[in-house]
Amino acid sequence: MQYKLIYIFLTLASVISYGQVNLSMDADKSEYGGKDIVNLTIVLELNGSDLEQQTKFQLPDLSKFNIIGSGSFTNTFIDPATNTQIIQKISRIALEPKKKGKIKIGSVLVTVNNKIYKTEPFDVSVRDVIEKKSLAGNTSNEIYLNMEIEDKEVYQDQPTIAVLKVYSRNMDNLRKVKNIRLPQQDNINVHAINFNKSEIDPSGYGNMASQVLAMFMVFPNEAGYVEVPSVSASVSSYSNKSKIVSNKIKLNVKKLPEGAPNCFKNAVGNFKVSVYSPAKENAETQKPLNVIVKVSGEGNLPDMELPKIASSPDYEVFAPKITSRVSPGTTGMKGEILANYVVIPKKTGVISIKTEKFAFFNPEKSEYTDLGQKMLSVDALSHEDAMESRSTVEKVNEYTNNLLETVNTPVLKTTSFKVKEKSKFHWNILLINIAILLALFVAYLIFKTWQKKRTLVRETVPSKSLGSVAETEKELRKMLKTDIDDYFSYLENLKDNGEYEKFFATLEEMDQDVRNEYSQGSTTEFKAFLDRYKGSSVAEEYGTLQQKIQIEKYAPVKSSEGLDELLKAIVNLYSQISK
């Protein structure tokens, strides 16, 4: 009986050791300063090939922190003592505390083989933390700037896209934000994507209206935790001008992997290098030759170090002129950069103009690519050989250009341009001139006759009576009368086509024409005029209609039913006014 119990105990022990699950979470330390980062490490160890992780790590409530970075990796190996497969899954999370004091970090949950495992909660102590708001700005103005970066974990010199938004409870404040200044700092390079304002979102953060103001790329040029500074802008109104700033964001910049080629400097992306000469004529010794090194692709193109032309005793090279043709892409700045060098060959024969070796890191493949050297072969001729290889026309052009450039040209003799007198008289020219003079004289007589007839007709027409002042005013009013029906049909077309901005602009133009018809400048004067001559009901209806127009004009979402009702009211009222 005793041997059976020992056998059962050993069997259970072997089963337990074969299918063991260990889950733990620890912080790098228990006390943190105001600027320290809380680093959490979660380790899941599965001892046994039959164990299956069914869910991801379910993190505890981390609302008292800002998550500024995370990463994970998996290790798999065989324990030689027990011949058991061991899988280790390790995740790390970098947190920024929002508040000071003792903060409790709860349990991490994970399900393995239909069983839930959890870690033990623990406390961390944080001191001297300055509270930060997710939206930074001047609260008195009720307008805020917020910078958002979705990908906060990138490689060094790899771009991440930042979006700048403005928030306000009053939509009218969104139009007052101007003069956006992107962040500038030594450890980041910033390139604008666009400053195109988006459509206004009426239901943004905290039930405030929001609008995208700008998008830009941030290229961190050093590893570690890099803080992107605030973006600033000005809020201009008729009374004053104030400045608002956005929040700051920390990036977890990963160091580039080991094993970089010796020629790698700071190029991150995907690039190509080529070298060529745009000159069509043959190269000549001791004469300048243009050689262009072109780097094209997408990445940190404007900020990377370009490959130079390597020095050689066969030629002399001078500093290049850089031409940049880049624009924002999906994974960086894309386009091409041209380095135009002046190279002077020093010997005759075939000369190899080589660039420095060039390598770049591709973050999509997480590997380095070595492009090596690029070479341009040039056959340099002596001056005599170059002259012999040219055609006769090229030699004449060369000689003429040299003469004009180097020789002072004497004053030309004007006598050589003097027209010589001819003894023969040309009767044809005389007859043509006489015919032209006769034609002009006949045209003048016809014009004078037509002018006299027109004067006689004007004198025989009886003059019309000017009439009284009231009749004259009535005639002028008929001439100035606005064709209101054309406006109605045009407004109907604009409404049906959804051209709402043009609809309200045309409506203001129609209202201005109607007021001008009655010589009334402002809406207040016109309302008083309607009260005197059309009745108080029409005047009140006019004032109410103006309020409805303003409400519909500035409504964030315009409905076709509301505009139909508004257009019916406009047609009804303005038809009564224009009677």
Protein backbone atom coordinates (compact mmCIF):
# COMPACT_ATOMS: atom_id res chain seq x y z
CA MET A 1 0.00 0.00 0.00
CA GLN A 2 2.87 2.36 0.86
CA TYR A 3 4.54 1.75 -2.55
CA LYS A 4 1.26 2.53 -4.33
CA LEU A 5 0.99 5.90 -2.56
CA ILE A 6 4.59 6.76 -3.50
CA TYR A 7 3.89 5.80 -7.11
CA ILE A 8 0.75 7.98 -7.26
CA PHE A 9 2.62 10.93 -5.70
CA LEU A 10 5.47 10.66 -8.21
CA THR A 11 3.01 10.43 -11.11
CA LEU A 12 1.17 13.59 -10.00
CA ALA A 13 4.48 15.40 -9.51
CA SER A 14 5.61 14.51 -13.03
CA VAL A 15 2.28 15.69 -14.50
CA ILE A 16 2.46 18.97 -12.56
CA SER A 17 6.07 19.58 -13.64
CA TYR A 18 5.20 18.70 -17.25
CA GLY A 19 2.33 21.17 -17.59
CA GLN A 20 3.38 24.08 -15.41
CA VAL A 21 2.29 27.73 -16.10
CA ASN A 22 4.10 30.68 -14.49
CA LEU A 23 2.78 34.24 -14.87
CA SER A 24 4.41 37.27 -13.22
CA MET A 25 4.53 41.06 -13.50
CA ASP A 26 7.19 43.29 -11.91
CA ALA A 27 8.25 46.93 -12.01
CA ASP A 28 11.87 47.98 -12.35
CA LYS A 29 11.70 49.76 -8.95
CA SER A 30 9.18 50.70 -6.27
CA GLU A 31 9.78 54.49 -6.04
CA TYR A 32 9.84 56.95 -8.93
CA GLY A 33 10.62 60.64 -9.36
CA GLY A 34 8.56 63.19 -11.22
CA LYS A 35 10.30 62.59 -14.57
CA ASP A 36 10.93 58.83 -14.21
CA ILE A 37 9.33 56.22 -16.46
CA VAL A 38 7.62 53.20 -14.87
CA ASN A 39 8.78 50.07 -16.71
CA LEU A 40 6.58 46.99 -16.27
CA THR A 41 7.74 43.51 -17.32
CA ILE A 42 5.16 40.72 -17.83
CA VAL A 43 6.52 37.15 -18.15
CA LEU A 44 4.45 34.10 -19.14
CA GLU A 45 6.30 30.76 -18.99
CA LEU A 46 4.68 27.60 -20.43
CA ASN A 47 6.45 24.36 -19.49
CA GLY A 48 5.01 21.74 -21.83
CA SER A 49 4.11 21.38 -25.50
CA ASP A 50 0.42 20.76 -24.75
CA LEU A 51 -0.13 24.19 -23.18
CA GLU A 52 -1.85 26.78 -25.40
CA GLN A 53 -2.29 30.47 -24.63
CA GLN A 54 -5.89 31.24 -25.63
CA THR A 55 -6.06 34.99 -24.90
CA LYS A 56 -3.70 37.93 -24.98
CA PHE A 57 -2.51 39.61 -21.82
CA GLN A 58 -5.46 41.47 -20.25
CA LEU A 59 -3.88 44.54 -18.69
CA PRO A 60 -5.17 46.13 -15.47
CA ASP A 61 -6.58 49.65 -15.24
CA LEU A 62 -3.72 51.98 -16.24
CA SER A 63 -5.77 55.19 -16.46
CA LYS A 64 -3.44 56.87 -13.93
CA PHE A 65 -0.58 56.55 -16.43
CA ASN A 66 0.19 57.60 -20.00
CA ILE A 67 1.32 54.59 -22.04
CA ILE A 68 4.31 55.88 -24.00
CA GLY A 69 5.67 52.60 -25.36
CA SER A 70 5.35 48.82 -25.40
CA GLY A 71 7.01 45.76 -26.91
CA SER A 72 7.08 41.98 -26.68
CA PHE A 73 9.10 38.98 -27.78
CA THR A 74 8.97 35.16 -27.43
CA ASN A 75 11.69 32.65 -26.52
CA THR A 76 11.36 28.89 -27.14
CA PHE A 77 13.85 26.26 -25.98
CA ILE A 78 14.07 22.63 -24.75
CA ASP A 79 15.07 21.83 -21.16
CA PRO A 80 17.80 19.15 -21.56
CA ALA A 81 17.23 17.75 -18.07
CA THR A 82 13.53 16.93 -18.53
CA ASN A 83 13.35 17.09 -22.37
CA THR A 84 10.42 19.54 -21.99
CA GLN A 85 9.59 22.42 -24.35
CA ILE A 86 9.59 25.79 -22.55
CA ILE A 87 7.98 28.89 -24.12
CA GLN A 88 8.63 32.32 -22.58
CA LYS A 89 6.52 35.28 -23.67
CA ILE A 90 7.83 38.60 -22.34
CA SER A 91 6.09 41.97 -22.71
CA ARG A 92 7.36 45.35 -21.53
CA ILE A 93 5.29 48.50 -21.03
CA ALA A 94 6.64 52.02 -20.42
CA LEU A 95 4.31 54.25 -18.38
CA GLU A 96 4.34 57.94 -17.51
CA PRO A 97 2.61 58.74 -14.20
CA LYS A 98 -0.15 61.37 -14.23
CA LYS A 99 -0.42 61.85 -10.45
CA LYS A 100 1.84 61.58 -7.47
CA GLY A 101 1.40 59.32 -4.47
CA LYS A 102 0.95 55.59 -4.02
CA ILE A 103 -0.58 54.02 -7.16
CA LYS A 104 -1.86 50.48 -7.21
CA ILE A 105 -1.20 48.37 -10.31
CA GLY A 106 -3.73 45.55 -10.63
CA SER A 107 -3.46 42.01 -11.94
CA VAL A 108 -2.71 40.83 -15.48
CA LEU A 109 -5.00 38.04 -16.69
CA VAL A 110 -4.37 35.35 -19.30
CA THR A 111 -6.21 32.14 -20.25
CA VAL A 112 -4.22 28.95 -20.85
CA ASN A 113 -5.99 25.64 -21.63
CA ASN A 114 -9.37 27.06 -20.45
CA LYS A 115 -7.89 28.15 -17.13
CA ILE A 116 -7.43 31.79 -16.06
CA TYR A 117 -4.12 32.81 -14.48
CA LYS A 118 -3.42 36.19 -12.90
CA THR A 119 -0.58 38.10 -11.29
CA GLU A 120 -0.48 39.60 -7.84
CA PRO A 121 -1.23 43.37 -7.62
CA PHE A 122 1.41 45.70 -6.17
CA ASP A 123 1.94 49.38 -5.38
CA VAL A 124 4.40 51.94 -6.76
CA SER A 125 5.19 55.29 -5.17
CA VAL A 126 5.43 58.42 -7.35
CA ARG A 127 6.52 61.85 -6.09
CA ASP A 128 6.42 65.40 -7.53
CA VAL A 129 4.37 64.87 -10.71
CA ILE A 130 3.06 67.93 -12.56
CA GLU A 131 -0.45 67.12 -13.73
CA LYS A 132 -0.89 67.32 -17.48
CA LYS A 133 -4.04 67.73 -19.48
CA SER A 134 -4.62 65.89 -22.69
CA LEU A 135 -5.61 69.15 -24.27
CA ALA A 136 -3.23 72.01 -23.61
CA GLY A 137 -4.07 75.65 -24.09
CA ASN A 138 -5.68 78.73 -22.64
CA THR A 139 -8.84 77.59 -20.87
CA SER A 140 -10.17 81.12 -20.58
CA ASN A 141 -10.55 81.31 -24.34
CA GLU A 142 -12.22 77.86 -24.50
CA ILE A 143 -10.06 76.87 -27.44
CA TYR A 144 -7.41 74.13 -27.32
CA LEU A 145 -4.72 72.61 -29.50
CA ASN A 146 -4.04 68.88 -29.32
CA MET A 147 -1.21 67.00 -31.02
CA GLU A 148 -1.86 63.31 -31.70
CA ILE A 149 0.76 60.69 -32.70
CA GLU A 150 -0.54 57.17 -33.14
CA ASP A 151 2.78 55.35 -33.67
CA LYS A 152 4.92 56.35 -30.67
CA GLU A 153 7.49 53.58 -31.09
CA VAL A 154 9.78 54.00 -34.11
CA TYR A 155 13.38 53.46 -35.08
CA GLN A 156 15.93 56.24 -35.04
CA ASP A 157 15.49 58.47 -38.18
CA GLN A 158 12.22 56.68 -38.99
CA PRO A 159 9.24 59.04 -39.37
CA THR A 160 6.01 59.08 -37.43
CA ILE A 161 3.00 61.13 -38.45
CA ALA A 162 1.59 63.80 -36.12
CA VAL A 163 -1.89 65.32 -36.46
CA LEU A 164 -2.72 68.73 -35.00
CA LYS A 165 -6.34 69.36 -34.00
CA VAL A 166 -8.14 72.36 -32.54
CA TYR A 167 -11.08 72.01 -30.12
CA SER A 168 -13.63 74.59 -29.01
CA ARG A 169 -17.19 74.73 -27.75
CA ASN A 170 -17.82 77.63 -30.13
CA MET A 171 -17.42 76.70 -33.80
CA ASP A 172 -16.71 80.31 -34.69
CA ASN A 173 -13.43 80.10 -32.72
CA LEU A 174 -12.05 77.47 -35.11
CA ARG A 175 -11.79 80.03 -37.92
CA LYS A 176 -9.63 82.32 -35.77
CA VAL A 177 -6.66 79.93 -35.41
CA LYS A 178 -3.76 81.04 -37.62
CA ASN A 179 0.05 81.15 -37.82
CA ILE A 180 0.77 77.51 -36.89
CA ARG A 181 4.39 77.00 -35.83
CA LEU A 182 5.64 73.42 -35.93
CA PRO A 183 8.00 72.20 -33.17
CA GLN A 184 11.76 72.68 -33.52
CA GLN A 185 14.35 70.78 -31.53
CA ASP A 186 17.88 69.45 -32.07
CA ASN A 187 16.96 65.78 -31.62
CA ILE A 188 14.05 65.80 -34.12
CA ASN A 189 13.56 66.85 -37.75
CA VAL A 190 10.07 68.03 -38.68
CA HIS A 191 8.64 68.23 -42.22
CA ALA A 192 5.13 69.47 -42.97
CA ILE A 193 2.71 67.25 -44.89
CA ASN A 194 -0.07 69.81 -45.34
CA PHE A 195 -1.88 72.66 -43.62
CA ASN A 196 -5.28 71.88 -45.14
CA LYS A 197 -8.13 72.34 -42.68
CA SER A 198 -10.61 69.46 -42.53
CA GLU A 199 -14.36 69.59 -42.16
CA ILE A 200 -15.55 70.52 -38.68
CA ASP A 201 -16.48 67.56 -36.48
CA PRO A 202 -19.30 68.77 -34.16
CA SER A 203 -18.84 65.90 -31.67
CA GLY A 204 -15.18 65.94 -30.72
CA TYR A 205 -13.42 65.51 -27.38
CA GLY A 206 -15.68 66.48 -24.46
CA ASN A 207 -18.59 67.29 -26.81
CA MET A 208 -16.54 70.09 -28.35
CA ALA A 209 -16.31 70.81 -32.08
CA SER A 210 -12.94 69.85 -33.56
CA GLN A 211 -11.02 70.41 -36.77
CA VAL A 212 -7.73 69.08 -38.16
CA LEU A 213 -5.37 72.01 -38.76
CA ALA A 214 -2.15 70.37 -39.96
CA MET A 215 -0.26 67.11 -40.46
CA PHE A 216 3.50 66.74 -40.26
CA MET A 217 6.23 64.11 -40.03
CA VAL A 218 8.58 63.81 -37.07
CA PHE A 219 11.99 62.19 -37.61
CA PRO A 220 13.74 61.53 -34.25
CA ASN A 221 17.50 61.45 -34.82
CA GLU A 222 18.54 59.91 -31.48
CA ALA A 223 17.50 56.76 -29.62
CA GLY A 224 15.73 56.65 -26.26
CA TYR A 225 12.75 58.60 -25.00
CA VAL A 226 12.42 61.72 -27.17
CA GLU A 227 9.90 64.42 -26.30
CA VAL A 228 8.19 66.21 -29.20
CA PRO A 229 7.72 69.88 -28.16
CA SER A 230 4.42 71.73 -28.30
CA VAL A 231 2.95 73.23 -31.46
CA SER A 232 1.95 76.87 -31.12
CA ALA A 233 -0.64 78.97 -32.95
CA SER A 234 -2.26 82.38 -32.65
CA VAL A 235 -5.94 83.12 -32.12
CA SER A 236 -6.85 86.41 -33.82
CA SER A 237 -10.05 88.34 -33.20
CA TYR A 238 -11.12 91.93 -33.68
CA SER A 239 -10.35 92.87 -30.09
CA ASN A 240 -7.12 90.99 -29.29
CA LYS A 241 -4.61 88.37 -30.38
CA SER A 242 -3.55 85.51 -28.11
CA LYS A 243 -1.28 82.46 -28.33
CA ILE A 244 -2.18 78.84 -27.65
CA VAL A 245 0.06 75.76 -27.42
CA SER A 246 -0.56 72.05 -27.76
CA ASN A 247 0.45 69.16 -25.54
CA LYS A 248 3.84 67.43 -25.66
CA ILE A 249 4.30 63.79 -26.66
CA LYS A 250 7.06 61.34 -25.74
CA LEU A 251 8.32 58.88 -28.33
CA ASN A 252 10.04 55.58 -27.60
CA VAL A 253 12.79 55.68 -30.23
CA LYS A 254 14.39 52.29 -30.79
CA LYS A 255 18.09 52.08 -31.49
CA LEU A 256 19.00 50.72 -34.91
CA PRO A 257 19.99 47.02 -34.86
CA GLU A 258 23.59 45.91 -34.63
CA GLY A 259 25.54 44.79 -37.68
CA ALA A 260 25.40 48.01 -39.69
CA PRO A 261 27.89 48.24 -42.62
CA ASN A 262 30.86 50.56 -42.16
CA CYS A 263 29.49 52.86 -44.88
CA PHE A 264 26.13 53.30 -43.12
CA LYS A 265 25.60 56.81 -41.74
CA ASN A 266 21.98 57.83 -41.11
CA ALA A 267 19.92 56.81 -44.16
CA VAL A 268 16.68 55.10 -43.05
CA GLY A 269 14.13 54.10 -45.68
CA ASN A 270 14.45 52.61 -49.16
CA PHE A 271 16.77 54.34 -51.64
CA LYS A 272 18.58 54.07 -54.99
CA VAL A 273 21.79 55.80 -56.08
CA SER A 274 22.91 56.64 -59.62
CA VAL A 275 25.69 58.77 -61.13
CA TYR A 276 25.70 60.28 -64.63
CA SER A 277 26.90 63.26 -66.66
CA PRO A 278 24.36 65.49 -68.50
CA ALA A 279 27.06 66.79 -70.90
CA LYS A 280 26.73 65.64 -74.54
CA GLU A 281 30.20 66.57 -75.72
CA ASN A 282 33.33 64.56 -75.01
CA ALA A 283 35.21 65.14 -71.78
CA GLU A 284 38.45 67.07 -72.09
CA THR A 285 41.42 67.25 -69.75
CA GLN A 286 41.78 70.39 -67.63
CA LYS A 287 38.21 71.42 -68.52
CA PRO A 288 35.19 71.21 -66.17
CA LEU A 289 32.69 68.39 -66.51
CA ASN A 290 29.31 68.24 -64.73
CA VAL A 291 28.66 64.98 -62.88
CA ILE A 292 25.38 64.40 -61.02
CA VAL A 293 24.91 61.97 -58.10
CA LYS A 294 21.19 61.24 -57.72
CA VAL A 295 19.64 59.65 -54.62
CA SER A 296 15.98 58.70 -54.98
CA GLY A 297 13.52 56.82 -52.79
CA GLU A 298 11.46 57.34 -49.64
CA GLY A 299 12.56 57.88 -46.04
CA ASN A 300 14.57 60.57 -44.27
CA LEU A 301 15.66 61.86 -47.69
CA PRO A 302 16.05 65.60 -46.83
CA ASP A 303 18.02 64.93 -43.62
CA MET A 304 20.31 62.06 -44.49
CA GLU A 305 23.99 62.34 -45.45
CA LEU A 306 24.37 61.92 -49.22
CA PRO A 307 27.13 59.79 -50.80
CA LYS A 308 29.92 62.02 -52.13
CA ILE A 309 32.23 61.57 -55.10
CA ALA A 310 35.37 59.89 -53.84
CA SER A 311 38.66 61.75 -54.30
CA SER A 312 41.14 60.43 -56.88
CA PRO A 313 44.47 61.52 -58.44
CA ASP A 314 42.83 61.16 -61.88
CA TYR A 315 40.50 64.12 -61.38
CA GLU A 316 39.75 67.12 -59.20
CA VAL A 317 36.28 67.48 -57.66
CA PHE A 318 34.58 70.57 -56.18
CA ALA A 319 31.73 71.03 -53.69
CA PRO A 320 28.34 70.19 -55.23
CA LYS A 321 25.20 72.23 -55.76
CA ILE A 322 22.26 70.41 -54.11
CA THR A 323 18.82 70.33 -55.76
CA SER A 324 15.94 68.79 -53.79
CA ARG A 325 12.68 67.50 -55.25
CA VAL A 326 10.85 65.83 -52.37
CA SER A 327 7.25 65.57 -51.19
CA PRO A 328 5.48 63.72 -48.35
CA GLY A 329 4.93 60.00 -48.86
CA THR A 330 3.43 57.16 -46.84
CA THR A 331 6.62 56.03 -45.07
CA GLY A 332 8.67 59.23 -45.23
CA MET A 333 9.66 62.00 -47.61
CA LYS A 334 9.84 60.67 -51.17
CA GLY A 335 11.42 62.03 -54.33
CA GLU A 336 15.00 62.65 -55.36
CA ILE A 337 18.00 64.78 -54.40
CA LEU A 338 20.57 65.76 -57.02
CA ALA A 339 24.15 66.68 -56.14
CA ASN A 340 25.70 68.47 -59.14
CA TYR A 341 29.52 68.21 -58.97
CA VAL A 342 32.14 69.93 -61.13
CA VAL A 343 34.88 67.44 -62.00
CA ILE A 344 38.07 68.34 -63.89
CA PRO A 345 39.93 65.37 -65.45
CA LYS A 346 43.71 65.51 -64.98
CA LYS A 347 44.80 62.84 -67.49
CA THR A 348 43.72 61.47 -70.84
CA GLY A 349 42.10 58.11 -71.31
CA VAL A 350 39.35 56.28 -69.45
CA ILE A 351 38.69 57.75 -65.99
CA SER A 352 36.43 56.07 -63.41
CA ILE A 353 34.52 58.59 -61.32
CA LYS A 354 33.33 56.72 -58.23
CA THR A 355 31.01 57.63 -55.38
CA GLU A 356 31.54 56.74 -51.74
CA LYS A 357 30.00 53.49 -50.52
CA PHE A 358 26.41 53.93 -49.41
CA ALA A 359 24.14 51.79 -47.20
CA PHE A 360 20.69 52.32 -45.69
CA PHE A 361 18.45 50.66 -43.11
CA ASN A 362 15.02 49.49 -44.27
CA PRO A 363 12.63 49.62 -41.26
CA GLU A 364 9.96 47.55 -43.05
CA LYS A 365 12.34 44.61 -43.46
CA SER A 366 14.44 45.49 -40.36
CA GLU A 367 17.65 44.96 -42.31
CA TYR A 368 20.55 46.91 -43.78
CA THR A 369 21.14 47.19 -47.53
CA ASP A 370 24.62 47.97 -48.86
CA LEU A 371 24.52 49.54 -52.35
CA GLY A 372 28.30 49.81 -52.54
CA GLN A 373 29.94 52.29 -54.93
CA LYS A 374 28.45 53.71 -58.11
CA MET A 375 30.82 54.41 -61.01
CA LEU A 376 30.82 56.61 -64.13
CA SER A 377 33.40 55.89 -66.83
CA VAL A 378 34.56 58.95 -68.79
CA ASP A 379 36.92 58.94 -71.78
CA ALA A 380 38.94 62.16 -71.36
CA LEU A 381 40.61 63.54 -74.50
CA SER A 382 43.41 66.03 -74.88
CA HIS A 383 42.63 69.43 -76.34
CA GLU A 384 44.07 68.50 -79.77
CA ASP A 385 42.15 65.20 -79.91
CA ALA A 386 38.94 66.93 -78.80
CA MET A 387 39.30 69.54 -81.58
CA GLU A 388 39.92 66.87 -84.20
CA SER A 389 36.86 64.89 -83.11
CA ARG A 390 34.59 67.91 -83.64
CA SER A 391 32.79 68.70 -86.87
CA THR A 392 33.50 71.81 -88.97
CA VAL A 393 30.37 73.60 -87.71
CA GLU A 394 31.34 72.90 -84.08
CA LYS A 395 34.84 74.28 -84.71
CA VAL A 396 33.45 77.48 -86.27
CA ASN A 397 31.02 77.96 -83.37
CA GLU A 398 33.83 77.40 -80.87
CA TYR A 399 36.10 79.92 -82.62
CA THR A 400 33.31 82.51 -82.88
CA ASN A 401 32.33 82.17 -79.21
CA ASN A 402 35.96 82.52 -78.11
CA LEU A 403 36.38 85.59 -80.30
CA LEU A 404 33.28 87.29 -78.92
CA GLU A 405 34.28 86.50 -75.35
CA THR A 406 37.96 87.48 -75.50
CA VAL A 407 38.38 90.14 -78.26
CA ASN A 408 37.17 93.76 -77.94
CA THR A 409 35.06 94.41 -81.07
CA PRO A 410 35.85 97.75 -82.82
CA VAL A 411 33.15 100.30 -83.69
CA LEU A 412 31.27 99.28 -86.82
CA LYS A 413 31.34 101.64 -89.84
CA THR A 414 27.86 103.06 -90.43
CA THR A 415 28.66 103.77 -94.06
CA SER A 416 28.48 100.09 -94.79
CA PHE A 417 24.79 100.13 -93.82
CA LYS A 418 23.96 103.22 -96.02
CA VAL A 419 21.37 102.50 -98.71
CA LYS A 420 22.64 103.32 -102.17
CA GLU A 421 20.55 105.69 -104.39
CA LYS A 422 18.96 104.23 -107.48
CA SER A 423 18.66 106.22 -110.70
CA LYS A 424 15.55 104.37 -111.99
CA PHE A 425 12.08 105.80 -111.08
CA HIS A 426 9.35 103.32 -110.05
CA TRP A 427 5.98 104.39 -111.54
CA ASN A 428 4.15 101.46 -109.89
CA ILE A 429 4.88 102.77 -106.39
CA LEU A 430 3.59 106.24 -107.34
CA LEU A 431 0.29 104.86 -108.76
CA ILE A 432 -0.31 102.71 -105.65
CA ASN A 433 0.17 105.71 -103.35
CA ILE A 434 -2.28 107.83 -105.42
CA ALA A 435 -4.90 105.03 -105.25
CA ILE A 436 -4.58 104.83 -101.47
CA LEU A 437 -5.06 108.63 -101.13
CA LEU A 438 -8.18 108.55 -103.34
CA ALA A 439 -9.68 105.69 -101.30
CA LEU A 440 -9.15 107.60 -98.07
CA PHE A 441 -10.76 110.75 -99.53
CA VAL A 442 -13.86 108.83 -100.71
CA ALA A 443 -14.21 107.19 -97.26
CA TYR A 444 -14.06 110.61 -95.62
CA LEU A 445 -16.88 111.96 -97.90
CA ILE A 446 -19.10 108.94 -97.11
CA PHE A 447 -18.59 109.41 -93.36
CA LYS A 448 -19.51 113.14 -93.50
CA THR A 449 -22.71 112.40 -95.49
CA TRP A 450 -23.80 109.74 -92.96
CA GLN A 451 -23.13 112.11 -90.07
CA LYS A 452 -25.35 114.85 -91.61
CA LYS A 453 -28.27 112.44 -92.14
CA ARG A 454 -28.06 111.29 -88.54
CA THR A 455 -28.22 114.89 -87.27
CA LEU A 456 -31.39 115.60 -89.34
CA VAL A 457 -33.15 112.50 -88.01
CA ARG A 458 -32.27 113.45 -84.43
CA GLU A 459 -33.74 116.95 -84.91
CA THR A 460 -37.08 115.67 -86.32
CA VAL A 461 -37.77 113.38 -83.32
CA PRO A 462 -39.96 115.30 -80.78
CA SER A 463 -38.53 115.65 -77.28
CA LYS A 464 -40.27 113.63 -74.61
CA SER A 465 -41.79 115.36 -71.59
CA LEU A 466 -39.80 114.91 -68.40
CA GLY A 467 -42.95 114.60 -66.31
CA SER A 468 -43.27 115.15 -62.56
CA VAL A 469 -40.83 114.09 -59.83
CA ALA A 470 -43.15 111.27 -58.74
CA GLU A 471 -43.38 109.88 -62.27
CA THR A 472 -39.61 110.04 -62.63
CA GLU A 473 -39.15 108.22 -59.33
CA LYS A 474 -41.65 105.57 -60.45
CA GLU A 475 -39.76 105.05 -63.72
CA LEU A 476 -36.45 104.76 -61.89
CA ARG A 477 -37.93 102.21 -59.48
CA LYS A 478 -39.15 100.11 -62.41
CA MET A 479 -35.66 100.21 -63.90
CA LEU A 480 -34.06 99.21 -60.58
CA LYS A 481 -36.66 96.55 -59.76
CA THR A 482 -35.04 93.23 -58.91
CA ASP A 483 -36.10 90.19 -60.96
CA ILE A 484 -36.96 88.18 -57.86
CA ASP A 485 -38.26 85.11 -59.74
CA ASP A 486 -34.83 84.45 -61.27
CA TYR A 487 -33.34 84.40 -57.77
CA PHE A 488 -36.00 81.92 -56.60
CA SER A 489 -35.29 79.45 -59.39
CA TYR A 490 -31.50 79.79 -58.94
CA LEU A 491 -31.80 79.18 -55.19
CA GLU A 492 -33.91 76.08 -55.88
CA ASN A 493 -31.18 74.67 -58.16
CA LEU A 494 -28.44 75.38 -55.63
CA LYS A 495 -30.43 73.65 -52.88
CA ASP A 496 -31.10 70.57 -55.01
CA ASN A 497 -27.40 70.31 -55.99
CA GLY A 498 -26.24 70.60 -52.38
CA GLU A 499 -24.20 73.79 -53.00
CA TYR A 500 -25.05 75.26 -49.61
CA GLU A 501 -22.32 77.90 -49.40
CA LYS A 502 -23.33 79.31 -52.78
CA PHE A 503 -26.98 79.08 -51.71
CA PHE A 504 -26.49 81.41 -48.73
CA ALA A 505 -24.19 83.73 -50.71
CA THR A 506 -26.87 84.12 -53.41
CA LEU A 507 -29.47 84.66 -50.70
CA GLU A 508 -27.45 87.55 -49.23
CA GLU A 509 -27.03 89.02 -52.72
CA MET A 510 -30.81 88.86 -53.33
CA ASP A 511 -31.52 90.52 -49.97
CA GLN A 512 -29.00 93.27 -50.78
CA ASP A 513 -30.62 93.91 -54.20
CA VAL A 514 -34.09 94.12 -52.65
CA ARG A 515 -32.87 96.59 -50.01
CA ASN A 516 -31.13 98.67 -52.69
CA GLU A 517 -34.37 98.75 -54.64
CA TYR A 518 -35.95 100.64 -51.74
CA SER A 519 -32.78 102.63 -50.96
CA GLN A 520 -32.31 100.95 -47.58
CA GLY A 521 -28.73 100.17 -46.57
CA SER A 522 -28.92 97.85 -43.56
CA THR A 523 -31.36 95.15 -42.47
CA THR A 524 -32.42 97.27 -39.47
CA GLU A 525 -33.33 100.22 -41.70
CA PHE A 526 -35.12 97.92 -44.12
CA LYS A 527 -37.14 96.38 -41.26
CA ALA A 528 -38.20 99.87 -40.15
CA PHE A 529 -39.13 100.68 -43.76
CA LEU A 530 -41.29 97.53 -43.97
CA ASP A 531 -42.96 98.46 -40.69
CA ARG A 532 -43.98 101.88 -42.13
CA TYR A 533 -45.05 100.83 -45.63
CA LYS A 534 -45.84 97.07 -45.51
CA GLY A 535 -47.14 96.64 -41.98
CA SER A 536 -45.73 95.38 -38.72
CA SER A 537 -46.51 91.74 -39.51
CA VAL A 538 -44.32 91.77 -42.62
CA ALA A 539 -41.52 93.51 -40.69
CA GLU A 540 -41.65 90.93 -37.87
CA GLU A 541 -41.71 88.11 -40.39
CA TYR A 542 -38.64 89.63 -42.10
CA GLY A 543 -36.72 89.79 -38.80
CA THR A 544 -37.66 86.19 -37.90
CA LEU A 545 -36.63 84.98 -41.35
CA GLN A 546 -33.19 86.61 -41.04
CA GLN A 547 -32.63 84.75 -37.77
CA LYS A 548 -33.63 81.43 -39.37
CA ILE A 549 -31.23 82.09 -42.26
CA GLN A 550 -28.32 82.66 -39.88
CA ILE A 551 -29.13 79.50 -37.89
CA GLU A 552 -29.27 77.34 -41.02
CA LYS A 553 -26.14 78.96 -42.45
CA TYR A 554 -23.92 78.13 -39.48
CA ALA A 555 -25.51 74.76 -38.64
CA PRO A 556 -22.80 72.02 -38.74
CA VAL A 557 -25.15 69.56 -40.46
CA LYS A 558 -27.63 70.90 -43.00
CA SER A 559 -30.82 68.92 -43.74
CA SER A 560 -32.73 69.10 -47.01
CA GLU A 561 -36.06 69.35 -45.12
CA GLY A 562 -34.89 72.40 -43.19
CA LEU A 563 -33.68 74.12 -46.37
CA ASP A 564 -37.00 73.32 -48.10
CA GLU A 565 -38.93 75.04 -45.32
CA LEU A 566 -36.50 77.96 -45.37
CA LEU A 567 -36.82 78.42 -49.15
CA LYS A 568 -40.65 78.37 -48.93
CA ALA A 569 -40.55 81.10 -46.28
CA ILE A 570 -38.12 83.14 -48.44
CA VAL A 571 -40.32 82.89 -51.54
CA ASN A 572 -43.47 83.81 -49.56
CA LEU A 573 -41.96 86.86 -47.83
CA TYR A 574 -39.92 88.36 -50.66
CA SER A 575 -42.85 87.94 -53.05
CA GLN A 576 -44.94 90.14 -50.71
CA ILE A 577 -42.13 92.71 -50.41
CA SER A 578 -41.54 93.00 -54.15
CA LYS A 579 -45.23 93.55 -55.08
